[in-house]
């Protein structure tokens, strides 16, 4: 990965619970990290894979970041005013250098 590819600033968040002023438990999102990432919509190769799994590939994207073992499904990414639910993260080539994060964009109808 070239450093120039990491030109998109993303915030990775995880769901947490907190008590409000009345003592009620509320689910909130807290920041895990803000990092530089490469961003790309799914290529035709990935679209074929996702379509074979009966998943709508049009709303999926890939973020590539420096290696992060703490990114898991159930987290989300905020990027350019958009929200993406993390579906999978993969240690690219198993070398602990890069992590590919596959995510689905959350739209108003989701």
PDB file of N, CA and C in Angstrom:
ATOM      1  N   UNK A   1       0.849  -1.166   0.000  1.00  0.00           N
ATOM      2  CA  UNK A   1       0.000   0.000   0.000  1.00  0.00           C
ATOM      3  C   UNK A   1       0.898   1.233   0.000  1.00  0.00           C
ATOM      4  N   UNK A   2       0.567   2.160  -0.858  1.00  0.00           N
ATOM      5  CA  UNK A   2       1.303   3.423  -0.906  1.00  0.00           C
ATOM      6  C   UNK A   2       0.683   4.400   0.087  1.00  0.00           C
ATOM      7  N   UNK A   3       1.518   5.193   0.710  1.00  0.00           N
ATOM      8  CA  UNK A   3       1.031   6.161   1.686  1.00  0.00           C
ATOM      9  C   UNK A   3       0.035   7.126   1.049  1.00  0.00           C
ATOM     10  N   UNK A   4       0.207   7.418  -0.237  1.00  0.00           N
ATOM     11  CA  UNK A   4      -0.706   8.344  -0.914  1.00  0.00           C
ATOM     12  C   UNK A   4      -2.108   7.765  -1.064  1.00  0.00           C
ATOM     13  N   UNK A   5      -2.259   6.444  -0.942  1.00  0.00           N
ATOM     14  CA  UNK A   5      -3.586   5.831  -1.004  1.00  0.00           C
ATOM     15  C   UNK A   5      -4.402   6.144   0.245  1.00  0.00           C
ATOM     16  N   UNK A   6      -3.722   6.403   1.348  1.00  0.00           N
ATOM     17  CA  UNK A   6      -4.402   6.656   2.622  1.00  0.00           C
ATOM     18  C   UNK A   6      -4.729   8.143   2.736  1.00  0.00           C
ATOM     19  N   UNK A   7      -5.719   8.578   1.970  1.00  0.00           N
ATOM     20  CA  UNK A   7      -6.039  10.003   1.936  1.00  0.00           C
ATOM     21  C   UNK A   7      -7.449  10.316   2.438  1.00  0.00           C
ATOM     22  N   UNK A   8      -8.129   9.315   2.958  1.00  0.00           N
ATOM     23  CA  UNK A   8      -9.487   9.502   3.461  1.00  0.00           C
ATOM     24  C   UNK A   8      -9.482   9.328   4.979  1.00  0.00           C
ATOM     25  N   UNK A   9     -10.005  10.310   5.695  1.00  0.00           N
ATOM     26  CA  UNK A   9     -10.025  10.262   7.160  1.00  0.00           C
ATOM     27  C   UNK A   9     -11.322   9.588   7.599  1.00  0.00           C
ATOM     28  N   UNK A  10     -11.206   8.504   8.352  1.00  0.00           N
ATOM     29  CA  UNK A  10     -12.383   7.780   8.828  1.00  0.00           C
ATOM     30  C   UNK A  10     -12.335   7.684  10.350  1.00  0.00           C
ATOM     31  N   UNK A  11     -13.510   7.546  10.947  1.00  0.00           N
ATOM     32  CA  UNK A  11     -13.614   7.310  12.382  1.00  0.00           C
ATOM     33  C   UNK A  11     -14.269   5.958  12.587  1.00  0.00           C
ATOM     34  N   UNK A  12     -13.598   5.099  13.329  1.00  0.00           N
ATOM     35  CA  UNK A  12     -14.130   3.778  13.666  1.00  0.00           C
ATOM     36  C   UNK A  12     -14.792   3.895  15.030  1.00  0.00           C
ATOM     37  N   UNK A  13     -16.029   3.407  15.131  1.00  0.00           N
ATOM     38  CA  UNK A  13     -16.771   3.494  16.383  1.00  0.00           C
ATOM     39  C   UNK A  13     -17.271   2.126  16.812  1.00  0.00           C
ATOM     40  N   UNK A  14     -17.493   1.986  18.131  1.00  0.00           N
ATOM     41  CA  UNK A  14     -18.105   0.772  18.664  1.00  0.00           C
ATOM     42  C   UNK A  14     -19.299   1.158  19.521  1.00  0.00           C
ATOM     43  N   UNK A  15     -20.257   0.242  19.593  1.00  0.00           N
ATOM     44  CA  UNK A  15     -21.457   0.481  20.373  1.00  0.00           C
ATOM     45  C   UNK A  15     -21.134   0.291  21.851  1.00  0.00           C
ATOM     46  N   UNK A  16     -21.600   1.226  22.671  1.00  0.00           N
ATOM     47  CA  UNK A  16     -21.413   1.133  24.114  1.00  0.00           C
ATOM     48  C   UNK A  16     -22.735   1.449  24.796  1.00  0.00           C
ATOM     49  N   UNK A  17     -22.822   1.122  26.055  1.00  0.00           N
ATOM     50  CA  UNK A  17     -24.005   1.479  26.831  1.00  0.00           C
ATOM     51  C   UNK A  17     -23.595   2.477  27.905  1.00  0.00           C
ATOM     52  N   UNK A  18     -24.489   3.400  28.168  1.00  0.00           N
ATOM     53  CA  UNK A  18     -24.239   4.420  29.186  1.00  0.00           C
ATOM     54  C   UNK A  18     -25.566   4.770  29.846  1.00  0.00           C
ATOM     55  N   UNK A  19     -25.480   5.264  31.040  1.00  0.00           N
ATOM     56  CA  UNK A  19     -26.684   5.708  31.749  1.00  0.00           C
ATOM     57  C   UNK A  19     -26.884   7.201  31.514  1.00  0.00           C
ATOM     58  N   UNK A  20     -28.155   7.563  31.261  1.00  0.00           N
ATOM     59  CA  UNK A  20     -28.462   8.980  31.100  1.00  0.00           C
ATOM     60  C   UNK A  20     -28.730   9.604  32.474  1.00  0.00           C
ATOM     61  N   UNK A  21     -29.140  10.863  32.483  1.00  0.00           N
ATOM     62  CA  UNK A  21     -29.352  11.598  33.732  1.00  0.00           C
ATOM     63  C   UNK A  21     -30.421  10.959  34.615  1.00  0.00           C
ATOM     64  N   UNK A  22     -31.393  10.284  34.000  1.00  0.00           N
ATOM     65  CA  UNK A  22     -32.450   9.623  34.774  1.00  0.00           C
ATOM     66  C   UNK A  22     -32.074   8.207  35.190  1.00  0.00           C
ATOM     67  N   UNK A  23     -30.900   7.747  34.802  1.00  0.00           N
ATOM     68  CA  UNK A  23     -30.464   6.399  35.172  1.00  0.00           C
ATOM     69  C   UNK A  23     -30.846   5.316  34.179  1.00  0.00           C
ATOM     70  N   UNK A  24     -31.445   5.696  33.065  1.00  0.00           N
ATOM     71  CA  UNK A  24     -31.813   4.727  32.033  1.00  0.00           C
ATOM     72  C   UNK A  24     -30.579   4.326  31.232  1.00  0.00           C
ATOM     73  N   UNK A  25     -30.528   3.068  30.836  1.00  0.00           N
ATOM     74  CA  UNK A  25     -29.417   2.587  30.020  1.00  0.00           C
ATOM     75  C   UNK A  25     -29.694   2.924  28.557  1.00  0.00           C
ATOM     76  N   UNK A  26     -28.747   3.577  27.921  1.00  0.00           N
ATOM     77  CA  UNK A  26     -28.868   3.977  26.514  1.00  0.00           C
ATOM     78  C   UNK A  26     -27.694   3.417  25.724  1.00  0.00           C
ATOM     79  N   UNK A  27     -27.979   2.999  24.505  1.00  0.00           N
ATOM     80  CA  UNK A  27     -26.896   2.585  23.612  1.00  0.00           C
ATOM     81  C   UNK A  27     -26.372   3.820  22.898  1.00  0.00           C
ATOM     82  N   UNK A  28     -25.068   3.959  22.893  1.00  0.00           N
ATOM     83  CA  UNK A  28     -24.425   5.073  22.203  1.00  0.00           C
ATOM     84  C   UNK A  28     -23.241   4.525  21.412  1.00  0.00           C
ATOM     85  N   UNK A  29     -22.646   5.366  20.614  1.00  0.00           N
ATOM     86  CA  UNK A  29     -21.453   4.998  19.854  1.00  0.00           C
ATOM     87  C   UNK A  29     -20.284   5.811  20.381  1.00  0.00           C
ATOM     88  N   UNK A  30     -19.169   5.149  20.588  1.00  0.00           N
ATOM     89  CA  UNK A  30     -17.966   5.850  21.039  1.00  0.00           C
ATOM     90  C   UNK A  30     -16.840   5.600  20.039  1.00  0.00           C
ATOM     91  N   UNK A  31     -15.991   6.604  19.888  1.00  0.00           N
ATOM     92  CA  UNK A  31     -14.879   6.512  18.946  1.00  0.00           C
ATOM     93  C   UNK A  31     -13.822   5.535  19.450  1.00  0.00           C
ATOM     94  N   UNK A  32     -13.382   4.656  18.557  1.00  0.00           N
ATOM     95  CA  UNK A  32     -12.270   3.749  18.841  1.00  0.00           C
ATOM     96  C   UNK A  32     -10.985   4.362  18.301  1.00  0.00           C
ATOM     97  N   UNK A  33     -11.066   4.878  17.067  1.00  0.00           N
ATOM     98  CA  UNK A  33      -9.886   5.470  16.438  1.00  0.00           C
ATOM     99  C   UNK A  33     -10.314   6.322  15.253  1.00  0.00           C
ATOM    100  N   UNK A  34      -9.516   7.328  14.964  1.00  0.00           N
ATOM    101  CA  UNK A  34      -9.652   8.101  13.734  1.00  0.00           C
ATOM    102  C   UNK A  34      -8.355   7.893  12.969  1.00  0.00           C
ATOM    103  N   UNK A  35      -8.482   7.328  11.766  1.00  0.00           N
ATOM    104  CA  UNK A  35      -7.300   6.907  11.012  1.00  0.00           C
ATOM    105  C   UNK A  35      -7.426   7.316   9.546  1.00  0.00           C
ATOM    106  N   UNK A  36      -6.308   7.264   8.844  1.00  0.00           N
ATOM    107  CA  UNK A  36      -6.290   7.479   7.400  1.00  0.00           C
ATOM    108  C   UNK A  36      -6.557   6.146   6.713  1.00  0.00           C
ATOM    109  N   UNK A  37      -7.328   6.194   5.620  1.00  0.00           N
ATOM    110  CA  UNK A  37      -7.711   4.960   4.932  1.00  0.00           C
ATOM    111  C   UNK A  37      -7.763   5.170   3.428  1.00  0.00           C
ATOM    112  N   UNK A  38      -7.614   4.074   2.713  1.00  0.00           N
ATOM    113  CA  UNK A  38      -7.942   4.040   1.287  1.00  0.00           C
ATOM    114  C   UNK A  38      -9.414   3.649   1.217  1.00  0.00           C
ATOM    115  N   UNK A  39     -10.136   4.212   0.270  1.00  0.00           N
ATOM    116  CA  UNK A  39     -11.573   3.958   0.149  1.00  0.00           C
ATOM    117  C   UNK A  39     -11.879   3.592  -1.284  1.00  0.00           C
ATOM    118  N   UNK A  40     -12.652   2.524  -1.462  1.00  0.00           N
ATOM    119  CA  UNK A  40     -13.098   2.201  -2.813  1.00  0.00           C
ATOM    120  C   UNK A  40     -14.388   1.399  -2.772  1.00  0.00           C
ATOM    121  N   UNK A  41     -15.302   1.736  -3.682  1.00  0.00           N
ATOM    122  CA  UNK A  41     -16.491   0.903  -3.841  1.00  0.00           C
ATOM    123  C   UNK A  41     -16.053  -0.478  -4.310  1.00  0.00           C
ATOM    124  N   UNK A  42     -16.884  -1.462  -4.135  1.00  0.00           N
ATOM    125  CA  UNK A  42     -16.528  -2.831  -4.501  1.00  0.00           C
ATOM    126  C   UNK A  42     -16.274  -2.957  -5.995  1.00  0.00           C
ATOM    127  N   UNK A  43     -15.227  -3.686  -6.343  1.00  0.00           N
ATOM    128  CA  UNK A  43     -14.910  -3.958  -7.740  1.00  0.00           C
ATOM    129  C   UNK A  43     -15.786  -5.098  -8.235  1.00  0.00           C
ATOM    130  N   UNK A  44     -15.748  -5.339  -9.518  1.00  0.00           N
ATOM    131  CA  UNK A  44     -16.583  -6.399 -10.090  1.00  0.00           C
ATOM    132  C   UNK A  44     -16.240  -7.762  -9.508  1.00  0.00           C
ATOM    133  N   UNK A  45     -14.979  -7.989  -9.166  1.00  0.00           N
ATOM    134  CA  UNK A  45     -14.583  -9.277  -8.588  1.00  0.00           C
ATOM    135  C   UNK A  45     -15.293  -9.500  -7.255  1.00  0.00           C
ATOM    136  N   UNK A  46     -15.309  -8.478  -6.415  1.00  0.00           N
ATOM    137  CA  UNK A  46     -15.977  -8.600  -5.118  1.00  0.00           C
ATOM    138  C   UNK A  46     -17.487  -8.628  -5.285  1.00  0.00           C
ATOM    139  N   UNK A  47     -17.990  -7.892  -6.262  1.00  0.00           N
ATOM    140  CA  UNK A  47     -19.437  -7.904  -6.498  1.00  0.00           C
ATOM    141  C   UNK A  47     -19.915  -9.314  -6.817  1.00  0.00           C
ATOM    142  N   UNK A  48     -19.164 -10.033  -7.644  1.00  0.00           N
ATOM    143  CA  UNK A  48     -19.549 -11.403  -7.985  1.00  0.00           C
ATOM    144  C   UNK A  48     -19.586 -12.277  -6.740  1.00  0.00           C
ATOM    145  N   UNK A  49     -18.595 -12.125  -5.877  1.00  0.00           N
ATOM    146  CA  UNK A  49     -18.548 -12.903  -4.642  1.00  0.00           C
ATOM    147  C   UNK A  49     -19.753 -12.585  -3.755  1.00  0.00           C
ATOM    148  N   UNK A  50     -20.052 -11.299  -3.592  1.00  0.00           N
ATOM    149  CA  UNK A  50     -21.168 -10.911  -2.733  1.00  0.00           C
ATOM    150  C   UNK A  50     -22.507 -11.318  -3.336  1.00  0.00           C
ATOM    151  N   UNK A  51     -22.645 -11.202  -4.644  1.00  0.00           N
ATOM    152  CA  UNK A  51     -23.891 -11.600  -5.281  1.00  0.00           C
ATOM    153  C   UNK A  51     -24.105 -13.100  -5.163  1.00  0.00           C
ATOM    154  N   UNK A  52     -23.026 -13.881  -5.205  1.00  0.00           N
ATOM    155  CA  UNK A  52     -23.149 -15.326  -5.014  1.00  0.00           C
ATOM    156  C   UNK A  52     -23.648 -15.639  -3.610  1.00  0.00           C
ATOM    157  N   UNK A  53     -23.339 -14.764  -2.671  1.00  0.00           N
ATOM    158  CA  UNK A  53     -23.811 -14.939  -1.294  1.00  0.00           C
ATOM    159  C   UNK A  53     -25.162 -14.254  -1.090  1.00  0.00           C
ATOM    160  N   UNK A  54     -25.795 -13.831  -2.180  1.00  0.00           N
ATOM    161  CA  UNK A  54     -27.108 -13.184  -2.160  1.00  0.00           C
ATOM    162  C   UNK A  54     -27.085 -11.889  -1.351  1.00  0.00           C
ATOM    163  N   UNK A  55     -26.015 -11.112  -1.507  1.00  0.00           N
ATOM    164  CA  UNK A  55     -25.879  -9.828  -0.822  1.00  0.00           C
ATOM    165  C   UNK A  55     -25.864  -8.736  -1.880  1.00  0.00           C
ATOM    166  N   UNK A  56     -26.582  -7.655  -1.633  1.00  0.00           N
ATOM    167  CA  UNK A  56     -26.600  -6.526  -2.555  1.00  0.00           C
ATOM    168  C   UNK A  56     -25.251  -5.814  -2.507  1.00  0.00           C
ATOM    169  N   UNK A  57     -24.443  -6.013  -3.516  1.00  0.00           N
ATOM    170  CA  UNK A  57     -23.077  -5.485  -3.528  1.00  0.00           C
ATOM    171  C   UNK A  57     -23.020  -3.987  -3.799  1.00  0.00           C
ATOM    172  N   UNK A  58     -24.091  -3.406  -4.285  1.00  0.00           N
ATOM    173  CA  UNK A  58     -24.057  -1.992  -4.648  1.00  0.00           C
ATOM    174  C   UNK A  58     -23.770  -1.088  -3.460  1.00  0.00           C
ATOM    175  N   UNK A  59     -24.140  -1.500  -2.272  1.00  0.00           N
ATOM    176  CA  UNK A  59     -23.961  -0.633  -1.106  1.00  0.00           C
ATOM    177  C   UNK A  59     -22.720  -0.990  -0.291  1.00  0.00           C
ATOM    178  N   UNK A  60     -21.885  -1.895  -0.800  1.00  0.00           N
ATOM    179  CA  UNK A  60     -20.685  -2.304  -0.075  1.00  0.00           C
ATOM    180  C   UNK A  60     -19.459  -1.542  -0.558  1.00  0.00           C
ATOM    181  N   UNK A  61     -18.563  -1.270   0.392  1.00  0.00           N
ATOM    182  CA  UNK A  61     -17.310  -0.587   0.089  1.00  0.00           C
ATOM    183  C   UNK A  61     -16.184  -1.282   0.839  1.00  0.00           C
ATOM    184  N   UNK A  62     -14.968  -0.926   0.458  1.00  0.00           N
ATOM    185  CA  UNK A  62     -13.797  -1.452   1.163  1.00  0.00           C
ATOM    186  C   UNK A  62     -12.945  -0.281   1.634  1.00  0.00           C
ATOM    187  N   UNK A  63     -12.557  -0.342   2.889  1.00  0.00           N
ATOM    188  CA  UNK A  63     -11.588   0.594   3.447  1.00  0.00           C
ATOM    189  C   UNK A  63     -10.326  -0.205   3.720  1.00  0.00           C
ATOM    190  N   UNK A  64      -9.175   0.363   3.410  1.00  0.00           N
ATOM    191  CA  UNK A  64      -7.902  -0.283   3.754  1.00  0.00           C
ATOM    192  C   UNK A  64      -7.149   0.660   4.689  1.00  0.00           C
ATOM    193  N   UNK A  65      -6.752   0.130   5.840  1.00  0.00           N
ATOM    194  CA  UNK A  65      -6.042   0.915   6.850  1.00  0.00           C
ATOM    195  C   UNK A  65      -4.778   0.171   7.250  1.00  0.00           C
ATOM    196  N   UNK A  66      -3.900   0.857   7.973  1.00  0.00           N
ATOM    197  CA  UNK A  66      -2.775   0.148   8.571  1.00  0.00           C
ATOM    198  C   UNK A  66      -3.346  -0.890   9.527  1.00  0.00           C
ATOM    199  N   UNK A  67      -2.608  -1.928   9.779  1.00  0.00           N
ATOM    200  CA  UNK A  67      -3.083  -3.076  10.555  1.00  0.00           C
ATOM    201  C   UNK A  67      -3.721  -2.657  11.877  1.00  0.00           C
ATOM    202  N   UNK A  68      -4.939  -3.161  12.090  1.00  0.00           N
ATOM    203  CA  UNK A  68      -5.673  -2.928  13.334  1.00  0.00           C
ATOM    204  C   UNK A  68      -6.369  -4.232  13.714  1.00  0.00           C
ATOM    205  N   UNK A  69      -5.922  -4.888  14.762  1.00  0.00           N
ATOM    206  CA  UNK A  69      -6.565  -6.138  15.171  1.00  0.00           C
ATOM    207  C   UNK A  69      -7.873  -5.920  15.919  1.00  0.00           C
ATOM    208  N   UNK A  70      -8.179  -4.676  16.290  1.00  0.00           N
ATOM    209  CA  UNK A  70      -9.350  -4.404  17.120  1.00  0.00           C
ATOM    210  C   UNK A  70     -10.613  -4.078  16.332  1.00  0.00           C
ATOM    211  N   UNK A  71     -10.580  -4.137  15.014  1.00  0.00           N
ATOM    212  CA  UNK A  71     -11.759  -3.838  14.197  1.00  0.00           C
ATOM    213  C   UNK A  71     -12.553  -5.123  13.994  1.00  0.00           C
ATOM    214  N   UNK A  72     -13.835  -5.088  14.382  1.00  0.00           N
ATOM    215  CA  UNK A  72     -14.670  -6.289  14.320  1.00  0.00           C
ATOM    216  C   UNK A  72     -16.045  -5.958  13.744  1.00  0.00           C
ATOM    217  N   UNK A  73     -16.749  -6.978  13.237  1.00  0.00           N
ATOM    218  CA  UNK A  73     -18.135  -6.762  12.818  1.00  0.00           C
ATOM    219  C   UNK A  73     -18.945  -6.241  14.005  1.00  0.00           C
ATOM    220  N   UNK A  74     -19.917  -5.407  13.704  1.00  0.00           N
ATOM    221  CA  UNK A  74     -20.709  -4.788  14.759  1.00  0.00           C
ATOM    222  C   UNK A  74     -20.264  -3.362  15.044  1.00  0.00           C
ATOM    223  N   UNK A  75     -19.053  -3.029  14.618  1.00  0.00           N
ATOM    224  CA  UNK A  75     -18.580  -1.649  14.719  1.00  0.00           C
ATOM    225  C   UNK A  75     -19.079  -0.891  13.491  1.00  0.00           C
ATOM    226  N   UNK A  76     -18.821   0.401  13.470  1.00  0.00           N
ATOM    227  CA  UNK A  76     -19.197   1.187  12.291  1.00  0.00           C
ATOM    228  C   UNK A  76     -18.107   2.193  11.966  1.00  0.00           C
ATOM    229  N   UNK A  77     -18.204   2.725  10.752  1.00  0.00           N
ATOM    230  CA  UNK A  77     -17.266   3.738  10.267  1.00  0.00           C
ATOM    231  C   UNK A  77     -18.058   4.975   9.871  1.00  0.00           C
ATOM    232  N   UNK A  78     -17.552   6.126  10.269  1.00  0.00           N
ATOM    233  CA  UNK A  78     -18.085   7.397   9.808  1.00  0.00           C
ATOM    234  C   UNK A  78     -17.082   7.966   8.816  1.00  0.00           C
ATOM    235  N   UNK A  79     -17.586   8.312   7.632  1.00  0.00           N
ATOM    236  CA  UNK A  79     -16.716   8.834   6.579  1.00  0.00           C
ATOM    237  C   UNK A  79     -17.498   9.812   5.716  1.00  0.00           C
ATOM    238  N   UNK A  80     -17.021  11.017   5.599  1.00  0.00           N
ATOM    239  CA  UNK A  80     -17.589  12.037   4.709  1.00  0.00           C
ATOM    240  C   UNK A  80     -19.092  12.212   4.919  1.00  0.00           C
ATOM    241  N   UNK A  81     -19.521  12.232   6.167  1.00  0.00           N
ATOM    242  CA  UNK A  81     -20.936  12.415   6.469  1.00  0.00           C
ATOM    243  C   UNK A  81     -21.788  11.185   6.231  1.00  0.00           C
ATOM    244  N   UNK A  82     -21.160  10.071   5.944  1.00  0.00           N
ATOM    245  CA  UNK A  82     -21.874   8.813   5.686  1.00  0.00           C
ATOM    246  C   UNK A  82     -21.540   7.807   6.778  1.00  0.00           C
ATOM    247  N   UNK A  83     -22.404   6.823   6.933  1.00  0.00           N
ATOM    248  CA  UNK A  83     -22.214   5.794   7.959  1.00  0.00           C
ATOM    249  C   UNK A  83     -22.155   4.421   7.302  1.00  0.00           C
ATOM    250  N   UNK A  84     -21.199   3.595   7.743  1.00  0.00           N
ATOM    251  CA  UNK A  84     -21.002   2.261   7.194  1.00  0.00           C
ATOM    252  C   UNK A  84     -20.921   1.257   8.339  1.00  0.00           C
ATOM    253  N   UNK A  85     -21.709   0.198   8.268  1.00  0.00           N
ATOM    254  CA  UNK A  85     -21.625  -0.882   9.250  1.00  0.00           C
ATOM    255  C   UNK A  85     -20.554  -1.869   8.806  1.00  0.00           C
ATOM    256  N   UNK A  86     -19.649  -2.201   9.708  1.00  0.00           N
ATOM    257  CA  UNK A  86     -18.564  -3.123   9.379  1.00  0.00           C
ATOM    258  C   UNK A  86     -19.101  -4.544   9.328  1.00  0.00           C
ATOM    259  N   UNK A  87     -18.850  -5.211   8.214  1.00  0.00           N
ATOM    260  CA  UNK A  87     -19.292  -6.587   8.006  1.00  0.00           C
ATOM    261  C   UNK A  87     -18.150  -7.563   8.283  1.00  0.00           C
ATOM    262  N   UNK A  88     -16.943  -7.187   7.869  1.00  0.00           N
ATOM    263  CA  UNK A  88     -15.788  -8.083   8.015  1.00  0.00           C
ATOM    264  C   UNK A  88     -14.511  -7.261   7.986  1.00  0.00           C
ATOM    265  N   UNK A  89     -13.515  -7.702   8.746  1.00  0.00           N
ATOM    266  CA  UNK A  89     -12.176  -7.116   8.626  1.00  0.00           C
ATOM    267  C   UNK A  89     -11.188  -8.254   8.431  1.00  0.00           C
ATOM    268  N   UNK A  90     -10.212  -8.020   7.565  1.00  0.00           N
ATOM    269  CA  UNK A  90      -9.282  -9.075   7.173  1.00  0.00           C
ATOM    270  C   UNK A  90      -7.854  -8.551   7.264  1.00  0.00           C
ATOM    271  N   UNK A  91      -6.992  -9.306   7.941  1.00  0.00           N
ATOM    272  CA  UNK A  91      -5.556  -9.014   7.983  1.00  0.00           C
ATOM    273  C   UNK A  91      -5.008  -9.404   6.615  1.00  0.00           C
ATOM    274  N   UNK A  92      -4.761  -8.415   5.783  1.00  0.00           N
ATOM    275  CA  UNK A  92      -4.359  -8.661   4.404  1.00  0.00           C
ATOM    276  C   UNK A  92      -3.054  -9.442   4.354  1.00  0.00           C
ATOM    277  N   UNK A  93      -3.064 -10.576   3.722  1.00  0.00           N
ATOM    278  CA  UNK A  93      -1.915 -11.476   3.567  1.00  0.00           C
ATOM    279  C   UNK A  93      -1.386 -12.028   4.889  1.00  0.00           C
ATOM    280  N   UNK A  94      -2.089 -11.806   5.989  1.00  0.00           N
ATOM    281  CA  UNK A  94      -1.670 -12.334   7.282  1.00  0.00           C
ATOM    282  C   UNK A  94      -0.353 -11.773   7.786  1.00  0.00           C
ATOM    283  N   UNK A  95       0.025 -10.588   7.316  1.00  0.00           N
ATOM    284  CA  UNK A  95       1.344 -10.034   7.644  1.00  0.00           C
ATOM    285  C   UNK A  95       1.298  -8.928   8.698  1.00  0.00           C
ATOM    286  N   UNK A  96       0.135  -8.640   9.246  1.00  0.00           N
ATOM    287  CA  UNK A  96      -0.024  -7.589  10.264  1.00  0.00           C
ATOM    288  C   UNK A  96       0.488  -6.230   9.787  1.00  0.00           C
ATOM    289  N   UNK A  97       0.211  -5.916   8.515  1.00  0.00           N
ATOM    290  CA  UNK A  97       0.613  -4.621   7.970  1.00  0.00           C
ATOM    291  C   UNK A  97      -0.589  -3.799   7.527  1.00  0.00           C
ATOM    292  N   UNK A  98      -1.580  -4.483   6.950  1.00  0.00           N
ATOM    293  CA  UNK A  98      -2.765  -3.800   6.432  1.00  0.00           C
ATOM    294  C   UNK A  98      -4.010  -4.574   6.829  1.00  0.00           C
ATOM    295  N   UNK A  99      -5.091  -3.833   7.031  1.00  0.00           N
ATOM    296  CA  UNK A  99      -6.384  -4.450   7.306  1.00  0.00           C
ATOM    297  C   UNK A  99      -7.374  -3.962   6.270  1.00  0.00           C
ATOM    298  N   UNK A 100      -8.046  -4.886   5.607  1.00  0.00           N
ATOM    299  CA  UNK A 100      -9.156  -4.540   4.725  1.00  0.00           C
ATOM    300  C   UNK A 100     -10.428  -4.620   5.549  1.00  0.00           C
ATOM    301  N   UNK A 101     -11.231  -3.567   5.477  1.00  0.00           N
ATOM    302  CA  UNK A 101     -12.500  -3.520   6.195  1.00  0.00           C
ATOM    303  C   UNK A 101     -13.607  -3.452   5.154  1.00  0.00           C
ATOM    304  N   UNK A 102     -14.463  -4.448   5.154  1.00  0.00           N
ATOM    305  CA  UNK A 102     -15.605  -4.478   4.248  1.00  0.00           C
ATOM    306  C   UNK A 102     -16.812  -3.976   5.026  1.00  0.00           C
ATOM    307  N   UNK A 103     -17.519  -3.016   4.429  1.00  0.00           N
ATOM    308  CA  UNK A 103     -18.609  -2.381   5.148  1.00  0.00           C
ATOM    309  C   UNK A 103     -19.777  -2.099   4.216  1.00  0.00           C
ATOM    310  N   UNK A 104     -20.949  -2.008   4.825  1.00  0.00           N
ATOM    311  CA  UNK A 104     -22.181  -1.737   4.088  1.00  0.00           C
ATOM    312  C   UNK A 104     -22.671  -0.355   4.479  1.00  0.00           C
ATOM    313  N   UNK A 105     -22.949   0.456   3.469  1.00  0.00           N
ATOM    314  CA  UNK A 105     -23.440   1.803   3.764  1.00  0.00           C
ATOM    315  C   UNK A 105     -24.845   1.736   4.336  1.00  0.00           C
ATOM    316  N   UNK A 106     -25.062   2.497   5.392  1.00  0.00           N
ATOM    317  CA  UNK A 106     -26.373   2.573   6.026  1.00  0.00           C
ATOM    318  C   UNK A 106     -27.128   3.714   5.364  1.00  0.00           C
ATOM    319  N   UNK A 107     -28.317   3.402   4.863  1.00  0.00           N
ATOM    320  CA  UNK A 107     -29.145   4.419   4.226  1.00  0.00           C
ATOM    321  C   UNK A 107     -30.396   4.632   5.063  1.00  0.00           C
ATOM    322  N   UNK A 108     -31.176   5.625   4.702  1.00  0.00           N
ATOM    323  CA  UNK A 108     -32.361   5.981   5.483  1.00  0.00           C
ATOM    324  C   UNK A 108     -33.329   4.812   5.629  1.00  0.00           C
ATOM    325  N   UNK A 109     -33.382   3.922   4.652  1.00  0.00           N
ATOM    326  CA  UNK A 109     -34.314   2.802   4.699  1.00  0.00           C
ATOM    327  C   UNK A 109     -33.826   1.615   5.507  1.00  0.00           C
ATOM    328  N   UNK A 110     -32.565   1.623   5.944  1.00  0.00           N
ATOM    329  CA  UNK A 110     -31.996   0.478   6.681  1.00  0.00           C
ATOM    330  C   UNK A 110     -32.384   0.500   8.137  1.00  0.00           C
TER     331      UNK A 110
END
